[in-house]
Amino acid sequence: MTTNTTMTIRLDPQLKAKLGRLADGTRRSRSFLAAEAVETYVDRELAIIEGIERGLADVEAGRTVSHEHAMASLRQVIDAAADNAA
């Protein structure tokens, strides 16, 4: 069984009304939808932070390529795709 906790947040009245309309339209509670939205936001933001941390670790370890090398590689892929399309 999952244990839940309560948290109070302040919403603009218009946002609360929108959430209410969404809850009515989906037959879900406002609380359920708000918790789902917070979870999605937190998961996305944590994934961004983790990606940045991985990138910084790559820089520290020297696992990088120059901008010029990256652009040259992309140009080769684009040119190859253009040749195949022709």
N, C-alpha and C. Protein backbone atom coordinates (compact mmCIF):
# COMPACT_ATOMS: atom_id res chain seq x y z
N MET A 1 0.84 -1.17 0.00
CA MET A 1 0.00 0.00 0.00
C MET A 1 0.89 1.24 0.00
N THR A 2 0.56 2.20 -0.84
CA THR A 2 1.32 3.44 -0.95
C THR A 2 0.91 4.40 0.15
N THR A 3 1.92 5.02 0.76
CA THR A 3 1.65 6.03 1.76
C THR A 3 1.70 7.39 1.09
N ASN A 4 0.72 8.22 1.34
CA ASN A 4 0.66 9.56 0.77
C ASN A 4 0.86 10.59 1.87
N THR A 5 1.21 11.77 1.47
CA THR A 5 1.33 12.88 2.38
C THR A 5 0.60 14.07 1.79
N THR A 6 0.25 15.01 2.62
CA THR A 6 -0.50 16.18 2.17
C THR A 6 0.43 17.38 2.07
N MET A 7 0.22 18.18 1.02
CA MET A 7 0.98 19.40 0.83
C MET A 7 0.00 20.47 0.37
N THR A 8 0.12 21.65 0.89
CA THR A 8 -0.76 22.74 0.51
C THR A 8 -0.02 23.65 -0.46
N ILE A 9 -0.68 24.01 -1.56
CA ILE A 9 -0.09 24.95 -2.51
C ILE A 9 -1.08 26.08 -2.78
N ARG A 10 -0.56 27.19 -3.23
CA ARG A 10 -1.41 28.32 -3.60
C ARG A 10 -1.52 28.36 -5.12
N LEU A 11 -2.75 28.48 -5.59
CA LEU A 11 -3.01 28.57 -7.02
C LEU A 11 -3.76 29.85 -7.32
N ASP A 12 -3.50 30.38 -8.49
CA ASP A 12 -4.30 31.48 -9.02
C ASP A 12 -5.73 30.95 -9.18
N PRO A 13 -6.74 31.74 -8.86
CA PRO A 13 -8.12 31.26 -8.99
C PRO A 13 -8.46 30.74 -10.39
N GLN A 14 -7.89 31.37 -11.41
CA GLN A 14 -8.16 30.91 -12.78
C GLN A 14 -7.56 29.53 -13.03
N LEU A 15 -6.36 29.28 -12.49
CA LEU A 15 -5.75 27.97 -12.65
C LEU A 15 -6.54 26.92 -11.89
N LYS A 16 -7.02 27.27 -10.71
CA LYS A 16 -7.84 26.34 -9.93
C LYS A 16 -9.12 25.99 -10.69
N ALA A 17 -9.70 26.98 -11.34
CA ALA A 17 -10.92 26.74 -12.13
C ALA A 17 -10.62 25.82 -13.31
N LYS A 18 -9.49 26.06 -13.98
CA LYS A 18 -9.10 25.19 -15.10
C LYS A 18 -8.89 23.76 -14.62
N LEU A 19 -8.22 23.63 -13.48
CA LEU A 19 -7.99 22.30 -12.92
C LEU A 19 -9.32 21.63 -12.60
N GLY A 20 -10.26 22.40 -12.10
CA GLY A 20 -11.59 21.86 -11.83
C GLY A 20 -12.29 21.38 -13.09
N ARG A 21 -12.17 22.18 -14.16
CA ARG A 21 -12.78 21.76 -15.43
C ARG A 21 -12.13 20.48 -15.95
N LEU A 22 -10.81 20.41 -15.83
CA LEU A 22 -10.10 19.21 -16.27
C LEU A 22 -10.53 18.01 -15.41
N ALA A 23 -10.65 18.22 -14.12
CA ALA A 23 -11.07 17.13 -13.23
C ALA A 23 -12.47 16.64 -13.61
N ASP A 24 -13.37 17.57 -13.86
CA ASP A 24 -14.73 17.19 -14.27
C ASP A 24 -14.71 16.43 -15.59
N GLY A 25 -13.91 16.92 -16.53
CA GLY A 25 -13.87 16.31 -17.86
C GLY A 25 -13.21 14.94 -17.88
N THR A 26 -12.33 14.69 -16.93
CA THR A 26 -11.63 13.40 -16.91
C THR A 26 -12.13 12.47 -15.82
N ARG A 27 -13.08 12.98 -15.03
CA ARG A 27 -13.63 12.22 -13.90
C ARG A 27 -12.54 11.81 -12.92
N ARG A 28 -11.61 12.70 -12.72
CA ARG A 28 -10.54 12.53 -11.74
C ARG A 28 -10.66 13.66 -10.73
N SER A 29 -10.06 13.50 -9.58
CA SER A 29 -10.09 14.58 -8.60
C SER A 29 -9.03 15.62 -8.93
N ARG A 30 -9.25 16.84 -8.46
CA ARG A 30 -8.23 17.87 -8.64
C ARG A 30 -6.94 17.45 -7.97
N SER A 31 -7.05 16.82 -6.84
CA SER A 31 -5.87 16.37 -6.11
C SER A 31 -5.07 15.36 -6.93
N PHE A 32 -5.76 14.41 -7.53
CA PHE A 32 -5.09 13.41 -8.36
C PHE A 32 -4.35 14.07 -9.51
N LEU A 33 -5.05 14.97 -10.21
CA LEU A 33 -4.44 15.63 -11.37
C LEU A 33 -3.26 16.51 -10.96
N ALA A 34 -3.39 17.21 -9.85
CA ALA A 34 -2.30 18.07 -9.38
C ALA A 34 -1.09 17.21 -9.01
N ALA A 35 -1.32 16.11 -8.32
CA ALA A 35 -0.20 15.23 -7.95
C ALA A 35 0.46 14.65 -9.19
N GLU A 36 -0.34 14.28 -10.18
CA GLU A 36 0.20 13.75 -11.43
C GLU A 36 1.04 14.81 -12.14
N ALA A 37 0.55 16.04 -12.16
CA ALA A 37 1.28 17.14 -12.81
C ALA A 37 2.60 17.43 -12.09
N VAL A 38 2.57 17.44 -10.77
CA VAL A 38 3.79 17.69 -10.00
C VAL A 38 4.79 16.57 -10.24
N GLU A 39 4.33 15.33 -10.25
CA GLU A 39 5.23 14.20 -10.49
C GLU A 39 5.88 14.29 -11.87
N THR A 40 5.10 14.62 -12.88
CA THR A 40 5.63 14.74 -14.24
C THR A 40 6.67 15.86 -14.31
N TYR A 41 6.35 17.00 -13.69
CA TYR A 41 7.28 18.13 -13.68
C TYR A 41 8.57 17.77 -12.97
N VAL A 42 8.46 17.18 -11.78
CA VAL A 42 9.65 16.84 -11.00
C VAL A 42 10.50 15.81 -11.74
N ASP A 43 9.88 14.80 -12.31
CA ASP A 43 10.64 13.79 -13.06
C ASP A 43 11.38 14.42 -14.23
N ARG A 44 10.71 15.32 -14.97
CA ARG A 44 11.35 15.98 -16.11
C ARG A 44 12.52 16.86 -15.66
N GLU A 45 12.32 17.64 -14.62
CA GLU A 45 13.38 18.53 -14.15
C GLU A 45 14.57 17.73 -13.61
N LEU A 46 14.30 16.64 -12.90
CA LEU A 46 15.40 15.80 -12.41
C LEU A 46 16.17 15.16 -13.56
N ALA A 47 15.46 14.75 -14.60
CA ALA A 47 16.13 14.17 -15.78
C ALA A 47 17.03 15.22 -16.44
N ILE A 48 16.58 16.46 -16.49
CA ILE A 48 17.40 17.52 -17.06
C ILE A 48 18.65 17.72 -16.22
N ILE A 49 18.48 17.80 -14.90
CA ILE A 49 19.63 17.98 -14.01
C ILE A 49 20.61 16.82 -14.14
N GLU A 50 20.10 15.59 -14.19
CA GLU A 50 20.96 14.42 -14.33
C GLU A 50 21.71 14.46 -15.66
N GLY A 51 21.06 14.91 -16.72
CA GLY A 51 21.72 15.03 -18.02
C GLY A 51 22.84 16.06 -17.98
N ILE A 52 22.58 17.16 -17.31
CA ILE A 52 23.62 18.19 -17.16
C ILE A 52 24.80 17.64 -16.37
N GLU A 53 24.50 16.92 -15.29
CA GLU A 53 25.57 16.34 -14.48
C GLU A 53 26.39 15.33 -15.28
N ARG A 54 25.72 14.52 -16.12
CA ARG A 54 26.46 13.57 -16.98
C ARG A 54 27.33 14.33 -17.97
N GLY A 55 26.80 15.41 -18.52
CA GLY A 55 27.58 16.21 -19.46
C GLY A 55 28.79 16.84 -18.80
N LEU A 56 28.61 17.35 -17.59
CA LEU A 56 29.75 17.94 -16.87
C LEU A 56 30.80 16.87 -16.55
N ALA A 57 30.35 15.67 -16.21
CA ALA A 57 31.29 14.58 -15.95
C ALA A 57 32.05 14.22 -17.22
N ASP A 58 31.36 14.24 -18.37
CA ASP A 58 32.03 13.97 -19.64
C ASP A 58 33.09 15.04 -19.93
N VAL A 59 32.77 16.29 -19.65
CA VAL A 59 33.74 17.36 -19.87
C VAL A 59 34.95 17.15 -18.98
N GLU A 60 34.71 16.86 -17.70
CA GLU A 60 35.83 16.64 -16.77
C GLU A 60 36.69 15.45 -17.19
N ALA A 61 36.08 14.42 -17.77
CA ALA A 61 36.81 13.23 -18.18
C ALA A 61 37.41 13.37 -19.58
N GLY A 62 37.15 14.49 -20.23
CA GLY A 62 37.70 14.69 -21.57
C GLY A 62 36.95 13.98 -22.66
N ARG A 63 35.73 13.55 -22.39
CA ARG A 63 34.92 12.84 -23.40
C ARG A 63 34.11 13.86 -24.21
N THR A 64 34.80 14.70 -24.96
CA THR A 64 34.14 15.72 -25.76
C THR A 64 34.75 15.76 -27.15
N VAL A 65 34.06 16.39 -28.06
CA VAL A 65 34.60 16.65 -29.39
C VAL A 65 34.45 18.15 -29.65
N SER A 66 35.25 18.68 -30.52
CA SER A 66 35.17 20.10 -30.82
C SER A 66 33.90 20.40 -31.61
N HIS A 67 33.50 21.65 -31.58
CA HIS A 67 32.34 22.08 -32.35
C HIS A 67 32.57 21.80 -33.84
N GLU A 68 33.76 22.10 -34.30
CA GLU A 68 34.08 21.90 -35.72
C GLU A 68 33.94 20.44 -36.12
N HIS A 69 34.44 19.53 -35.27
CA HIS A 69 34.34 18.09 -35.56
C HIS A 69 32.87 17.65 -35.57
N ALA A 70 32.10 18.12 -34.60
CA ALA A 70 30.68 17.75 -34.53
C ALA A 70 29.95 18.24 -35.77
N MET A 71 30.20 19.49 -36.17
CA MET A 71 29.52 20.04 -37.34
C MET A 71 29.93 19.32 -38.62
N ALA A 72 31.20 18.95 -38.72
CA ALA A 72 31.66 18.20 -39.90
C ALA A 72 30.96 16.85 -39.98
N SER A 73 30.80 16.19 -38.85
CA SER A 73 30.10 14.90 -38.81
C SER A 73 28.64 15.07 -39.23
N LEU A 74 28.00 16.11 -38.73
CA LEU A 74 26.60 16.36 -39.11
C LEU A 74 26.47 16.66 -40.59
N ARG A 75 27.39 17.44 -41.12
CA ARG A 75 27.35 17.75 -42.55
C ARG A 75 27.46 16.47 -43.39
N GLN A 76 28.31 15.55 -42.95
CA GLN A 76 28.46 14.28 -43.68
C GLN A 76 27.16 13.50 -43.67
N VAL A 77 26.49 13.46 -42.54
CA VAL A 77 25.22 12.73 -42.45
C VAL A 77 24.18 13.39 -43.32
N ILE A 78 24.09 14.72 -43.28
CA ILE A 78 23.11 15.45 -44.09
C ILE A 78 23.40 15.26 -45.58
N ASP A 79 24.66 15.35 -45.96
CA ASP A 79 25.03 15.15 -47.37
C ASP A 79 24.71 13.73 -47.83
N ALA A 80 24.98 12.75 -46.99
CA ALA A 80 24.68 11.35 -47.34
C ALA A 80 23.17 11.15 -47.50
N ALA A 81 22.39 11.77 -46.60
CA ALA A 81 20.92 11.66 -46.71
C ALA A 81 20.42 12.33 -47.96
N ALA A 82 21.00 13.46 -48.31
CA ALA A 82 20.59 14.17 -49.53
C ALA A 82 20.95 13.34 -50.77
N ASP A 83 22.12 12.71 -50.75
CA ASP A 83 22.53 11.88 -51.88
C ASP A 83 21.59 10.68 -52.03
N ASN A 84 21.19 10.08 -50.92
CA ASN A 84 20.30 8.92 -50.96
C ASN A 84 18.90 9.31 -51.42
N ALA A 85 18.48 10.53 -51.10
CA ALA A 85 17.14 11.00 -51.50
C ALA A 85 17.10 11.32 -52.98
N ALA A 86 18.23 11.63 -53.57
CA ALA A 86 18.26 12.04 -54.98
C ALA A 86 18.18 10.86 -55.93
